Protein backbone atom coordinates (compact mmCIF):
# COMPACT_ATOMS: atom_id res chain seq x y z
CA MET A 1 0.02 -0.09 -0.06
CA SER A 2 1.29 3.40 -0.86
CA ILE A 3 2.30 5.73 2.03
CA PHE A 4 1.09 8.79 0.26
CA SER A 5 -2.51 9.97 0.65
CA SER A 6 -4.71 9.89 -2.34
CA ALA A 7 -4.64 13.76 -2.63
CA VAL A 8 -0.86 13.53 -2.99
CA LEU A 9 -1.09 10.75 -5.60
CA THR A 10 -3.70 12.50 -7.63
CA ARG A 11 -2.01 15.97 -7.61
CA ARG A 12 -0.55 16.84 -10.95
CA ARG A 13 2.31 19.23 -11.51
CA PRO A 14 1.44 22.17 -13.75
CA ALA A 15 1.41 21.25 -17.51
CA GLY A 16 4.24 23.73 -18.25
CA ARG A 17 6.48 22.04 -15.80
CA ARG A 18 5.87 18.69 -17.24
CA ALA A 19 6.52 19.92 -20.74
CA SER A 20 9.66 21.56 -19.66
CA ALA A 21 10.85 18.44 -18.01
CA LEU A 22 10.05 16.33 -21.16
CA LEU A 23 11.74 19.00 -23.37
CA SER A 24 14.87 19.00 -21.24
CA PHE A 25 15.10 15.25 -21.57
CA MET A 26 14.52 15.38 -25.26
CA VAL A 27 17.11 18.10 -25.72
CA ALA A 28 19.75 16.16 -23.71
CA THR A 29 19.09 13.10 -25.75
CA ALA A 30 19.28 15.07 -29.16
CA VAL A 31 22.60 16.62 -28.45
CA GLY A 32 24.23 13.24 -28.29
CA PHE A 33 26.53 13.82 -25.26
CA ILE A 34 29.37 11.35 -24.65
CA PRO A 35 28.64 7.98 -23.16
CA GLY A 36 28.09 7.92 -19.46
CA PRO A 37 25.63 7.19 -16.74
CA ARG A 38 22.08 7.56 -17.98
CA LEU A 39 18.71 7.93 -16.20
CA ASP A 40 18.37 4.87 -14.10
CA ASP A 41 15.32 2.98 -13.40
CA GLY A 42 15.19 3.90 -9.71
CA ALA A 43 16.37 0.63 -8.41
CA PRO A 44 19.00 0.92 -5.63
CA PRO A 45 22.25 1.10 -7.37
CA ALA A 46 25.31 -0.92 -7.15
CA PRO A 47 28.14 1.16 -5.33
CA GLU A 48 29.86 3.58 -7.76
CA SER A 49 33.09 2.85 -5.96
CA THR A 50 34.68 1.86 -2.71
CA VAL A 51 33.33 4.21 0.06
CA THR A 52 36.18 6.15 1.75
CA GLU A 53 34.58 6.37 5.14
CA ALA A 54 31.04 6.15 6.55
CA SER A 55 29.59 9.49 7.66
CA PRO A 56 28.54 9.97 11.21
CA ARG A 57 24.99 9.08 11.66
CA ALA A 58 24.43 12.08 14.04
CA SER A 59 25.40 14.49 11.13
CA ALA A 60 22.94 12.97 8.87
CA ALA A 61 23.05 13.92 5.24
CA PRO A 62 19.93 15.62 3.84
CA GLY A 63 18.44 12.23 2.87
CA GLY A 64 21.83 11.08 1.51
CA ALA A 65 23.65 7.69 1.88
CA ALA A 66 25.06 8.56 5.29
CA GLN A 67 21.65 9.36 6.94
CA ALA A 68 20.20 7.37 9.81
CA GLU A 69 17.64 4.64 8.72
CA PRO A 70 14.15 6.16 8.11
CA PRO A 71 11.77 6.02 11.15
CA ALA A 72 9.08 3.44 11.18
CA SER A 73 6.35 6.07 11.05
CA ARG A 74 5.93 9.62 9.91
CA GLN A 75 3.37 12.24 9.74
CA SER A 76 1.01 12.78 6.67
CA PRO A 77 1.18 15.67 4.20
CA GLN A 78 -1.49 18.35 4.91
CA PRO A 79 -3.45 20.60 2.57
CA ALA A 80 -1.60 23.41 0.69
CA ASN A 81 -3.42 26.26 2.55
CA ARG A 82 -1.90 25.23 5.90
CA GLN A 83 0.24 27.51 8.15
CA PRO A 84 4.04 26.72 8.27
CA ALA A 85 5.43 24.57 10.89
CA ARG A 86 6.84 26.59 13.92
CA GLN A 87 9.27 25.66 16.63
CA PRO A 88 7.58 27.17 19.67
CA SER A 89 10.12 27.67 22.50
CA GLY A 90 9.41 26.88 26.11
CA SER A 91 6.30 24.77 25.38
CA ALA A 92 5.43 21.22 25.55
CA SER A 93 5.28 20.92 21.79
CA ALA A 94 8.65 22.35 21.15
CA LEU A 95 11.26 20.06 19.54
CA PRO A 96 14.00 18.59 21.73
CA GLY A 97 16.58 20.93 22.85
CA ASP A 98 14.73 24.06 21.74
CA GLU A 99 15.75 26.77 24.10
CA THR A 100 16.36 29.51 21.66
CA GLY A 101 13.73 31.84 23.35
CA ASP A 102 11.79 32.62 20.16
CA GLU A 103 9.56 31.18 17.66
CA THR A 104 11.30 29.90 14.46
CA LEU A 105 10.00 28.73 11.06
CA LEU A 106 11.57 25.34 10.04
CA GLY A 107 12.05 23.61 6.81
CA ASN A 108 12.79 19.96 6.02
CA ASP A 109 14.78 17.92 3.64
CA VAL A 110 13.85 14.62 2.14
CA SER A 111 15.03 12.13 -0.35
CA TRP A 112 15.17 8.36 -1.13
CA PRO A 113 15.14 7.32 2.46
CA GLN A 114 11.78 8.80 2.96
CA CYS A 115 10.28 6.82 -0.02
CA ASN A 116 8.84 4.37 2.33
CA GLY A 117 7.51 6.65 4.92
CA ASP A 118 5.24 9.70 5.44
CA LEU A 119 6.62 13.10 5.04
CA PRO A 120 6.90 16.02 7.51
CA ASP A 121 3.96 18.26 8.24
CA ASN A 122 3.82 21.99 7.39
CA PRO A 123 7.44 22.83 6.39
CA ALA A 124 8.05 26.60 5.82
CA PHE A 125 10.45 25.41 3.08
CA ALA A 126 11.52 22.02 1.60
CA ILE A 127 14.77 20.78 0.09
CA VAL A 128 14.41 17.59 -2.08
CA GLY A 129 17.21 15.19 -2.97
CA VAL A 130 17.46 14.49 -6.59
CA ASN A 131 19.67 11.44 -6.38
CA ASN A 132 19.35 7.92 -4.89
CA GLY A 133 22.28 8.21 -2.51
CA LEU A 134 25.05 8.25 -5.21
CA ALA A 135 26.02 10.87 -7.77
CA ASN A 136 25.01 8.92 -10.74
CA THR A 137 21.44 7.87 -9.72
CA THR A 138 17.89 9.23 -9.45
CA ASN A 139 15.65 9.43 -6.46
CA PRO A 140 12.82 6.93 -7.26
CA CYS A 141 10.26 8.99 -5.67
CA LEU A 142 11.53 12.33 -6.84
CA HIS A 143 8.30 13.80 -8.21
CA GLN A 144 6.05 12.62 -5.22
CA GLN A 145 8.42 14.52 -3.00
CA LEU A 146 8.51 17.50 -5.33
CA ASP A 147 4.70 17.58 -5.13
CA TRP A 148 4.90 17.60 -1.35
CA ALA A 149 7.44 20.40 -1.43
CA ASP A 150 5.14 22.60 -3.74
CA ASP A 151 2.98 23.02 -0.69
CA SER A 152 5.62 24.50 1.46
CA ALA A 153 4.37 27.63 3.32
CA GLY A 154 7.26 30.00 2.98
CA GLY A 155 7.89 32.92 5.43
CA THR A 156 11.70 32.63 5.61
CA GLY A 157 14.51 33.96 3.51
CA GLN A 158 15.03 30.54 1.95
CA PRO A 159 13.29 29.47 -1.47
CA ARG A 160 10.17 27.49 -0.61
CA LEU A 161 11.74 24.57 -2.75
CA ALA A 162 15.28 23.97 -3.22
CA LEU A 163 17.13 20.81 -4.49
CA TYR A 164 20.24 18.91 -3.33
CA VAL A 165 22.53 16.40 -5.14
CA ASN A 166 25.00 13.81 -4.10
CA THR A 167 28.63 14.46 -5.02
CA ALA A 168 31.67 12.23 -5.37
CA ASN A 169 35.08 12.03 -7.19
CA PRO A 170 35.64 8.28 -7.67
CA GLY A 171 38.27 8.51 -10.23
CA LEU A 172 39.10 5.44 -12.18
CA ARG A 173 37.36 3.31 -9.69
CA GLY A 174 34.02 4.66 -10.95
CA SER A 175 31.64 3.00 -13.37
CA TRP A 176 32.27 5.95 -15.76
CA TRP A 177 35.11 8.48 -16.01
CA PRO A 178 35.65 11.18 -18.55
CA THR A 179 38.32 10.94 -21.23
CA ASN A 180 38.08 14.47 -22.82
CA ASN A 181 36.67 17.92 -22.29
CA GLU A 182 33.38 17.17 -24.23
CA TYR A 183 30.02 16.63 -22.63
CA GLY A 184 26.54 17.61 -23.55
CA GLY A 185 27.58 17.97 -27.07
CA GLU A 186 29.95 20.71 -26.57
CA VAL A 187 33.53 21.32 -25.63
CA VAL A 188 33.70 22.46 -21.93
CA ALA A 189 35.98 25.29 -20.93
CA ASN A 190 38.14 23.52 -18.44
CA PRO A 191 40.24 25.73 -16.08
CA TYR A 192 42.40 22.70 -15.29
CA GLY A 193 43.38 21.95 -18.77
CA THR A 194 42.69 18.93 -20.93
CA CYS A 195 41.11 15.80 -19.57
CA GLN A 196 42.83 12.68 -21.00
CA GLY A 197 41.30 10.05 -18.91
CA GLN A 198 43.64 10.40 -15.97
CA ASP A 199 42.62 10.52 -12.43
CA ASP A 200 43.68 14.20 -11.97
CA ALA A 201 42.03 17.47 -11.56
CA ALA A 202 41.32 18.16 -15.21
CA CYS A 203 39.05 15.02 -15.50
CA ALA A 204 37.63 15.37 -11.98
CA TYR A 205 36.40 18.80 -13.11
CA MET A 206 34.70 17.05 -16.09
CA TYR A 207 33.28 14.47 -13.96
CA GLY A 208 31.61 16.98 -11.65
CA TYR A 209 30.46 19.05 -14.81
CA ALA A 210 28.89 15.83 -16.31
CA LYS A 211 27.05 14.81 -13.03
CA ALA A 212 25.62 18.27 -12.73
CA PHE A 213 24.59 18.11 -16.30
CA ASP A 214 22.88 14.85 -15.80
CA ASP A 215 21.07 16.19 -12.54
CA ALA A 216 19.76 19.05 -14.51
CA TYR A 217 18.64 17.42 -17.76
CA LEU A 218 18.46 13.64 -17.12
CA ARG A 219 16.45 13.49 -13.73
CA THR A 220 13.34 15.13 -15.24
CA ILE A 221 13.68 18.34 -13.30
CA SER A 222 11.43 21.07 -14.78
CA GLU A 223 13.18 24.47 -15.39
CA PRO A 224 16.48 23.50 -13.62
CA GLY A 225 17.92 27.01 -13.93
CA THR A 226 15.21 28.32 -11.54
CA TYR A 227 16.32 26.33 -8.52
CA LEU A 228 18.92 26.70 -5.70
CA TRP A 229 21.04 23.36 -6.09
CA TRP A 230 22.82 22.27 -2.84
CA LEU A 231 25.92 20.15 -3.30
CA ASP A 232 25.91 17.47 -0.61
CA VAL A 233 29.51 16.76 0.33
CA GLU A 234 30.14 14.00 2.59
CA THR A 235 32.88 11.42 3.43
CA GLY A 236 30.26 8.74 2.90
CA ASN A 237 30.70 8.95 -0.91
CA SER A 238 33.97 8.18 -2.82
CA TRP A 239 36.54 10.92 -3.01
CA SER A 240 40.20 11.23 -4.19
CA GLY A 241 43.02 11.45 -1.73
CA ASP A 242 43.96 14.62 -3.74
CA ARG A 243 41.84 17.49 -2.20
CA ASN A 244 42.77 19.70 -5.22
CA ALA A 245 41.05 17.12 -7.53
CA ASN A 246 37.95 17.01 -5.15
CA ARG A 247 37.78 20.85 -5.27
CA ALA A 248 37.90 20.78 -9.05
CA ASP A 249 35.16 18.21 -9.20
CA LEU A 250 32.83 20.48 -7.07
CA GLU A 251 33.90 23.53 -9.17
CA GLY A 252 32.80 21.44 -12.33
CA MET A 253 29.32 21.09 -10.70
CA ALA A 254 28.88 24.62 -9.49
CA ASP A 255 30.22 26.03 -12.83
CA PHE A 256 27.62 23.93 -14.92
CA PHE A 257 24.75 25.07 -12.62
CA HIS A 258 25.96 28.66 -12.82
CA SER A 259 25.96 28.19 -16.51
CA ILE A 260 22.11 27.60 -16.74
CA GLY A 261 21.42 30.43 -14.33
CA ALA A 262 20.87 28.44 -11.27
CA ARG A 263 22.14 29.30 -7.72
CA VAL A 264 24.44 26.93 -5.93
CA GLY A 265 25.30 26.20 -2.22
CA ILE A 266 27.34 23.79 -0.26
CA TYR A 267 26.07 21.27 2.35
CA SER A 268 28.69 19.70 4.67
CA SER A 269 30.20 19.63 8.15
CA ALA A 270 33.46 21.69 8.89
CA ARG A 271 35.19 18.31 9.53
CA GLN A 272 33.98 16.57 6.52
CA TRP A 273 34.56 19.58 4.19
CA GLY A 274 38.05 19.90 5.67
CA GLN A 275 38.93 16.36 5.01
CA ILE A 276 37.51 16.26 1.40
CA VAL A 277 38.32 19.75 -0.02
CA GLY A 278 40.03 21.78 2.62
CA GLU A 279 40.76 25.51 2.30
CA VAL A 280 39.33 27.12 -0.84
CA GLY A 281 40.98 30.28 -2.39
CA SER A 282 39.33 33.37 -3.63
CA ALA A 283 39.80 32.34 -7.37
CA SER A 284 37.64 29.28 -6.84
CA SER A 285 33.90 29.33 -8.02
CA LEU A 286 33.18 27.72 -4.68
CA TYR A 287 34.71 30.68 -2.67
CA SER A 288 31.51 32.73 -2.33
CA LEU A 289 28.88 29.93 -2.28
CA PRO A 290 26.55 29.97 0.82
CA SER A 291 26.97 27.16 3.51
CA TRP A 292 24.40 24.69 4.84
CA LEU A 293 25.99 23.28 8.05
CA ALA A 294 25.16 19.78 9.31
CA GLY A 295 25.94 18.21 12.71
CA ALA A 296 23.50 19.83 15.11
CA ARG A 297 21.69 17.50 17.44
CA THR A 298 19.13 20.02 18.90
CA ALA A 299 17.29 23.08 17.59
CA ALA A 300 19.21 25.23 19.88
CA VAL A 301 22.53 24.24 18.65
CA ALA A 302 21.38 24.57 15.12
CA ASN A 303 20.37 28.19 15.95
CA SER A 304 23.85 28.89 17.41
CA MET A 305 25.53 27.48 14.50
CA CYS A 306 24.27 30.37 12.36
CA SER A 307 27.29 32.34 13.69
CA ALA A 308 29.71 29.44 12.88
CA ALA A 309 32.41 29.79 10.26
CA PRO A 310 31.23 29.14 6.74
CA LEU A 311 32.67 26.21 4.68
CA THR A 312 34.47 28.74 2.46
CA ALA A 313 35.94 31.99 3.57
CA GLY A 314 33.91 34.07 1.04
CA GLY A 315 30.63 32.47 1.87
CA ARG A 316 28.16 32.80 4.83
CA VAL A 317 26.13 30.37 6.78
CA VAL A 318 22.41 30.65 5.61
CA LEU A 319 21.04 27.30 6.62
CA THR A 320 21.75 24.73 9.54
CA GLN A 321 20.47 21.28 10.05
CA PHE A 322 19.45 19.15 13.01
CA VAL A 323 17.66 15.81 13.57
CA ALA A 324 14.74 15.40 15.86
CA ASP A 325 11.74 13.00 16.00
CA GLY A 326 13.15 11.10 13.07
CA PHE A 327 13.14 14.04 10.61
CA ASP A 328 15.78 16.38 9.26
CA HIS A 329 14.88 19.86 10.24
CA ASP A 330 16.41 22.91 8.80
CA HIS A 331 16.95 26.21 10.42
CA SER A 332 17.21 29.35 8.30
CA CYS A 333 19.74 31.81 9.22
CA ILE A 334 18.32 34.50 6.98
């Protein structure tokens, strides 16, 4: 039996969005980009490559591979004209650890782990995972979750609906690795030089660019350039021991999303970001991206993390995440 209410299952996304998604897929197919991962059938994928390190369960990914197991039960979606969820301090209904002294609108992030459970009630904003835990896969219930997110109430500085994608840099261990600077039917301007199939920064840049291209055009996302895309950077996925190559990979993703007019941000914890990428210089396209910080265990800690250092020196913390009652909750810092 489906976990989704009949109202959710029978809702239809606007015709313009469906047409845009179909057009995006047809365009991507027509341009004949180089062989690589294609839109999968939604089945749980085989690992893309050896996992370097499991992410801490406490600093759960926004629905990614390192997140804690989905809870056995969740609340049901509510009608679109509802009021946004609030975090009332000092009351019996406050979330655990909420001692911030004010009332805060909260968002939620969901992805493939929530495919077999109900979705949170009344989010002020929502962030939906596009992938199925790995960078070359598709969330099998993506559009049901996008329908749920369409009903987000708003009321914060965050977009009512944003997306996040899994990231990785598997190198030659992966199921596909670029051999030149061509993707999407065109030659890509590669700041790291010419990719020649080696496990280096030039090919890592192309890998990241290709994964972002696939996320935008092969996952049936309507109007991909209108979204804020968060790059989910965690040790639970596969990374090179060369942090310069990992940075190039993420720059390739950011550069592609920027090329279609989309906004980009970075989700990680300070520890994991430091291990994977390290310091980012001002010449990098990652330098000024906003940060979404993971790792809080309570609402109060999530609130205090708004004043923490951003992941990159030129960015700022705009969002923090904590886990309570089996859900990922997101606290807006703007």
